[in-house]
């Protein structure tokens, strides 16, 4: 199974190292990326498998890490956000029922997470929290939503990015 980890680079490929530090999944050195004593040396020619043009002079790259079970569902949230706290119940219900792995990224404690959110929401269509992004399907959800919509997003199905919540919350 291929796992895609989001990496953003402007013109220089060495600029994606700080974003990996922001995800807190790896120990990043100038020699490579390591987790659980497995070292992946990433060279742009061998490991970067795809690119998507987002803005002028900037690319969104995906690093292909084989044989790793890493979460592909990113949840941007904050402790101070009222909607984020209200969505916690739905996220725990989703974890229990569907057994999905979610990577929660705190916005105000880590500036790299904020930069990653700005790159994913590249036209600032959402501009708020909570923000959910699926790295496999590139579907996103902006703000609080229903459990059914959140479940479709987590199971890699089509979802409505702006579906308002009902009385579930």
C-alpha atoms as a PDB file:
ATOM      1  CA  UNK A   1       0.000   0.000   0.000  1.00  0.00           C
ATOM      2  CA  UNK A   2       1.354   3.399  -0.933  1.00  0.00           C
ATOM      3  CA  UNK A   3       1.151   6.158   1.617  1.00  0.00           C
ATOM      4  CA  UNK A   4       1.478   9.727   0.449  1.00  0.00           C
ATOM      5  CA  UNK A   5       2.892  12.329   2.765  1.00  0.00           C
ATOM      6  CA  UNK A   6       2.360  15.884   1.752  1.00  0.00           C
ATOM      7  CA  UNK A   7       5.451  17.901   1.041  1.00  0.00           C
ATOM      8  CA  UNK A   8       5.500  21.449  -0.221  1.00  0.00           C
ATOM      9  CA  UNK A   9       8.469  22.962  -1.994  1.00  0.00           C
ATOM     10  CA  UNK A  10       8.944  26.310  -3.699  1.00  0.00           C
ATOM     11  CA  UNK A  11      11.884  26.228  -6.083  1.00  0.00           C
ATOM     12  CA  UNK A  12      14.405  24.421  -3.914  1.00  0.00           C
ATOM     13  CA  UNK A  13      13.691  20.834  -2.891  1.00  0.00           C
ATOM     14  CA  UNK A  14      15.378  21.346   0.508  1.00  0.00           C
ATOM     15  CA  UNK A  15      12.538  23.633   1.623  1.00  0.00           C
ATOM     16  CA  UNK A  16      10.212  20.708   2.343  1.00  0.00           C
ATOM     17  CA  UNK A  17      12.207  19.549   5.390  1.00  0.00           C
ATOM     18  CA  UNK A  18      10.571  22.002   7.846  1.00  0.00           C
ATOM     19  CA  UNK A  19       7.111  20.728   6.922  1.00  0.00           C
ATOM     20  CA  UNK A  20       8.075  17.192   7.851  1.00  0.00           C
ATOM     21  CA  UNK A  21       9.216  18.485  11.220  1.00  0.00           C
ATOM     22  CA  UNK A  22       5.826  20.135  11.617  1.00  0.00           C
ATOM     23  CA  UNK A  23       3.973  16.855  11.191  1.00  0.00           C
ATOM     24  CA  UNK A  24       5.872  15.334  14.134  1.00  0.00           C
ATOM     25  CA  UNK A  25       5.970  11.923  12.480  1.00  0.00           C
ATOM     26  CA  UNK A  26       9.671  11.784  11.697  1.00  0.00           C
ATOM     27  CA  UNK A  27      13.110  12.655  12.957  1.00  0.00           C
ATOM     28  CA  UNK A  28      14.501  14.811  10.182  1.00  0.00           C
ATOM     29  CA  UNK A  29      18.219  15.268   9.654  1.00  0.00           C
ATOM     30  CA  UNK A  30      20.227  16.330   6.644  1.00  0.00           C
ATOM     31  CA  UNK A  31      20.865  12.636   5.898  1.00  0.00           C
ATOM     32  CA  UNK A  32      17.267  11.499   5.657  1.00  0.00           C
ATOM     33  CA  UNK A  33      14.007  10.834   7.444  1.00  0.00           C
ATOM     34  CA  UNK A  34      13.811   8.228  10.191  1.00  0.00           C
ATOM     35  CA  UNK A  35      11.007   6.677  12.208  1.00  0.00           C
ATOM     36  CA  UNK A  36      11.260   3.594  14.424  1.00  0.00           C
ATOM     37  CA  UNK A  37      14.889   3.065  13.370  1.00  0.00           C
ATOM     38  CA  UNK A  38      13.931   2.820   9.689  1.00  0.00           C
ATOM     39  CA  UNK A  39      15.743   5.431   7.656  1.00  0.00           C
ATOM     40  CA  UNK A  40      14.360   6.584   4.339  1.00  0.00           C
ATOM     41  CA  UNK A  41      16.808   8.545   2.263  1.00  0.00           C
ATOM     42  CA  UNK A  42      14.784  10.708   0.039  1.00  0.00           C
ATOM     43  CA  UNK A  43      16.280  11.999  -3.139  1.00  0.00           C
ATOM     44  CA  UNK A  44      14.069  13.986  -5.406  1.00  0.00           C
ATOM     45  CA  UNK A  45      14.818  11.831  -8.438  1.00  0.00           C
ATOM     46  CA  UNK A  46      13.906   8.556  -6.726  1.00  0.00           C
ATOM     47  CA  UNK A  47      11.189   9.271  -4.187  1.00  0.00           C
ATOM     48  CA  UNK A  48       9.035  12.123  -5.416  1.00  0.00           C
ATOM     49  CA  UNK A  49       6.411  10.469  -7.573  1.00  0.00           C
ATOM     50  CA  UNK A  50       4.027  13.231  -8.506  1.00  0.00           C
ATOM     51  CA  UNK A  51       3.479  16.927  -8.607  1.00  0.00           C
ATOM     52  CA  UNK A  52       0.547  19.243  -8.964  1.00  0.00           C
ATOM     53  CA  UNK A  53       0.881  22.864 -10.025  1.00  0.00           C
ATOM     54  CA  UNK A  54      -0.814  25.104  -7.485  1.00  0.00           C
ATOM     55  CA  UNK A  55       0.631  28.592  -7.802  1.00  0.00           C
ATOM     56  CA  UNK A  56       3.177  30.274  -9.993  1.00  0.00           C
ATOM     57  CA  UNK A  57       6.708  28.986  -9.270  1.00  0.00           C
ATOM     58  CA  UNK A  58       5.523  26.570  -6.605  1.00  0.00           C
ATOM     59  CA  UNK A  59       4.714  22.882  -6.649  1.00  0.00           C
ATOM     60  CA  UNK A  60       2.926  20.505  -4.337  1.00  0.00           C
ATOM     61  CA  UNK A  61       4.869  17.252  -4.162  1.00  0.00           C
ATOM     62  CA  UNK A  62       3.935  13.893  -2.750  1.00  0.00           C
ATOM     63  CA  UNK A  63       6.559  11.677  -1.198  1.00  0.00           C
ATOM     64  CA  UNK A  64       5.867   7.998  -1.633  1.00  0.00           C
ATOM     65  CA  UNK A  65       6.781   6.034   1.490  1.00  0.00           C
ATOM     66  CA  UNK A  66       6.274   2.314   1.008  1.00  0.00           C
ATOM     67  CA  UNK A  67       5.416  -0.165   3.761  1.00  0.00           C
ATOM     68  CA  UNK A  68       4.353   2.491   6.246  1.00  0.00           C
ATOM     69  CA  UNK A  69       0.899   2.831   7.769  1.00  0.00           C
ATOM     70  CA  UNK A  70       0.705   6.582   8.103  1.00  0.00           C
ATOM     71  CA  UNK A  71      -2.563   8.494   8.387  1.00  0.00           C
ATOM     72  CA  UNK A  72      -3.753  10.135   5.206  1.00  0.00           C
ATOM     73  CA  UNK A  73      -6.494  12.116   6.940  1.00  0.00           C
ATOM     74  CA  UNK A  74      -5.400  15.508   8.257  1.00  0.00           C
ATOM     75  CA  UNK A  75      -7.480  17.361  10.852  1.00  0.00           C
ATOM     76  CA  UNK A  76      -6.498  20.964  11.466  1.00  0.00           C
ATOM     77  CA  UNK A  77      -7.917  22.183  14.763  1.00  0.00           C
ATOM     78  CA  UNK A  78      -7.310  24.439  17.747  1.00  0.00           C
ATOM     79  CA  UNK A  79      -7.993  24.144  21.454  1.00  0.00           C
ATOM     80  CA  UNK A  80      -9.648  27.585  21.451  1.00  0.00           C
ATOM     81  CA  UNK A  81     -12.043  26.834  18.587  1.00  0.00           C
ATOM     82  CA  UNK A  82     -15.646  26.169  19.625  1.00  0.00           C
ATOM     83  CA  UNK A  83     -16.502  24.256  16.443  1.00  0.00           C
ATOM     84  CA  UNK A  84     -13.358  22.128  16.792  1.00  0.00           C
ATOM     85  CA  UNK A  85     -14.369  21.088  20.299  1.00  0.00           C
ATOM     86  CA  UNK A  86     -17.886  20.266  19.124  1.00  0.00           C
ATOM     87  CA  UNK A  87     -16.520  18.062  16.317  1.00  0.00           C
ATOM     88  CA  UNK A  88     -14.425  15.993  18.770  1.00  0.00           C
ATOM     89  CA  UNK A  89     -17.432  13.779  19.563  1.00  0.00           C
ATOM     90  CA  UNK A  90     -17.953  12.976  15.895  1.00  0.00           C
ATOM     91  CA  UNK A  91     -14.245  12.290  15.362  1.00  0.00           C
ATOM     92  CA  UNK A  92     -14.080   9.825  18.273  1.00  0.00           C
ATOM     93  CA  UNK A  93     -17.267   8.137  17.019  1.00  0.00           C
ATOM     94  CA  UNK A  94     -15.682   7.861  13.572  1.00  0.00           C
ATOM     95  CA  UNK A  95     -12.485   6.364  15.004  1.00  0.00           C
ATOM     96  CA  UNK A  96     -14.421   3.752  16.988  1.00  0.00           C
ATOM     97  CA  UNK A  97     -16.867   2.713  14.267  1.00  0.00           C
ATOM     98  CA  UNK A  98     -14.700   2.832  11.148  1.00  0.00           C
ATOM     99  CA  UNK A  99     -11.223   2.326  12.682  1.00  0.00           C
ATOM    100  CA  UNK A 100      -9.576   5.150  10.744  1.00  0.00           C
ATOM    101  CA  UNK A 101      -6.343   6.935  11.621  1.00  0.00           C
ATOM    102  CA  UNK A 102      -6.574  10.701  11.841  1.00  0.00           C
ATOM    103  CA  UNK A 103      -3.624  13.026  12.201  1.00  0.00           C
ATOM    104  CA  UNK A 104      -4.626  16.025  14.305  1.00  0.00           C
ATOM    105  CA  UNK A 105      -2.569  19.122  13.684  1.00  0.00           C
ATOM    106  CA  UNK A 106      -2.745  21.929  16.250  1.00  0.00           C
ATOM    107  CA  UNK A 107      -2.696  25.286  14.514  1.00  0.00           C
ATOM    108  CA  UNK A 108      -1.577  27.793  17.112  1.00  0.00           C
ATOM    109  CA  UNK A 109       1.154  25.717  18.760  1.00  0.00           C
ATOM    110  CA  UNK A 110       3.031  24.874  15.571  1.00  0.00           C
ATOM    111  CA  UNK A 111       3.662  27.373  12.791  1.00  0.00           C
ATOM    112  CA  UNK A 112       4.482  24.606  10.289  1.00  0.00           C
ATOM    113  CA  UNK A 113       0.954  23.263  10.620  1.00  0.00           C
ATOM    114  CA  UNK A 114      -0.384  26.726   9.811  1.00  0.00           C
ATOM    115  CA  UNK A 115       1.849  26.921   6.729  1.00  0.00           C
ATOM    116  CA  UNK A 116       0.656  23.491   5.627  1.00  0.00           C
ATOM    117  CA  UNK A 117      -2.964  24.592   6.002  1.00  0.00           C
ATOM    118  CA  UNK A 118      -2.288  27.664   3.899  1.00  0.00           C
ATOM    119  CA  UNK A 119      -0.820  25.497   1.137  1.00  0.00           C
ATOM    120  CA  UNK A 120      -3.701  23.017   1.176  1.00  0.00           C
ATOM    121  CA  UNK A 121      -6.299  25.790   1.226  1.00  0.00           C
ATOM    122  CA  UNK A 122      -4.358  27.601  -1.490  1.00  0.00           C
ATOM    123  CA  UNK A 123      -7.073  30.000  -2.637  1.00  0.00           C
ATOM    124  CA  UNK A 124      -8.170  30.628   0.964  1.00  0.00           C
ATOM    125  CA  UNK A 125     -11.617  29.254   0.174  1.00  0.00           C
ATOM    126  CA  UNK A 126     -12.126  28.056   3.737  1.00  0.00           C
ATOM    127  CA  UNK A 127      -9.994  30.353   5.843  1.00  0.00           C
ATOM    128  CA  UNK A 128     -11.152  28.863   9.137  1.00  0.00           C
ATOM    129  CA  UNK A 129     -11.154  25.913  11.488  1.00  0.00           C
ATOM    130  CA  UNK A 130     -11.786  23.029  11.661  1.00  0.00           C
ATOM    131  CA  UNK A 131     -10.358  22.021   8.296  1.00  0.00           C
ATOM    132  CA  UNK A 132     -10.196  18.383   7.190  1.00  0.00           C
ATOM    133  CA  UNK A 133      -8.073  17.211   4.245  1.00  0.00           C
ATOM    134  CA  UNK A 134      -7.780  13.753   2.677  1.00  0.00           C
ATOM    135  CA  UNK A 135      -4.363  13.174   1.079  1.00  0.00           C
ATOM    136  CA  UNK A 136      -5.575  10.266  -1.079  1.00  0.00           C
ATOM    137  CA  UNK A 137      -8.626  11.843  -2.666  1.00  0.00           C
ATOM    138  CA  UNK A 138      -7.765  15.530  -2.111  1.00  0.00           C
ATOM    139  CA  UNK A 139     -11.264  16.131  -0.742  1.00  0.00           C
ATOM    140  CA  UNK A 140     -11.594  18.692   2.004  1.00  0.00           C
ATOM    141  CA  UNK A 141     -14.215  19.766   4.516  1.00  0.00           C
ATOM    142  CA  UNK A 142     -14.357  23.320   5.770  1.00  0.00           C
ATOM    143  CA  UNK A 143     -15.862  23.898   9.197  1.00  0.00           C
ATOM    144  CA  UNK A 144     -18.205  21.772  11.262  1.00  0.00           C
ATOM    145  CA  UNK A 145     -20.214  19.203   9.327  1.00  0.00           C
ATOM    146  CA  UNK A 146     -22.504  16.191   9.731  1.00  0.00           C
ATOM    147  CA  UNK A 147     -21.337  12.728  10.729  1.00  0.00           C
ATOM    148  CA  UNK A 148     -22.435  11.269   7.385  1.00  0.00           C
ATOM    149  CA  UNK A 149     -20.351  13.816   5.450  1.00  0.00           C
ATOM    150  CA  UNK A 150     -17.342  13.294   7.738  1.00  0.00           C
ATOM    151  CA  UNK A 151     -17.666   9.508   7.327  1.00  0.00           C
ATOM    152  CA  UNK A 152     -17.713   9.802   3.523  1.00  0.00           C
ATOM    153  CA  UNK A 153     -14.591  11.980   3.680  1.00  0.00           C
ATOM    154  CA  UNK A 154     -12.756   9.492   5.912  1.00  0.00           C
ATOM    155  CA  UNK A 155     -13.716   6.486   3.766  1.00  0.00           C
ATOM    156  CA  UNK A 156     -12.382   8.178   0.595  1.00  0.00           C
ATOM    157  CA  UNK A 157     -15.824   8.829  -0.870  1.00  0.00           C
ATOM    158  CA  UNK A 158     -17.158  12.034  -2.364  1.00  0.00           C
ATOM    159  CA  UNK A 159     -18.175  14.548   0.285  1.00  0.00           C
ATOM    160  CA  UNK A 160     -19.637  18.037   0.399  1.00  0.00           C
ATOM    161  CA  UNK A 161     -16.915  20.509   1.466  1.00  0.00           C
ATOM    162  CA  UNK A 162     -19.356  23.031   2.962  1.00  0.00           C
ATOM    163  CA  UNK A 163     -22.220  20.950   4.362  1.00  0.00           C
ATOM    164  CA  UNK A 164     -23.483  22.647   7.534  1.00  0.00           C
ATOM    165  CA  UNK A 165     -23.954  20.580  10.691  1.00  0.00           C
ATOM    166  CA  UNK A 166     -27.348  19.636  12.010  1.00  0.00           C
ATOM    167  CA  UNK A 167     -28.350  18.891  15.595  1.00  0.00           C
ATOM    168  CA  UNK A 168     -25.771  16.046  15.892  1.00  0.00           C
ATOM    169  CA  UNK A 169     -23.180  18.317  17.472  1.00  0.00           C
END
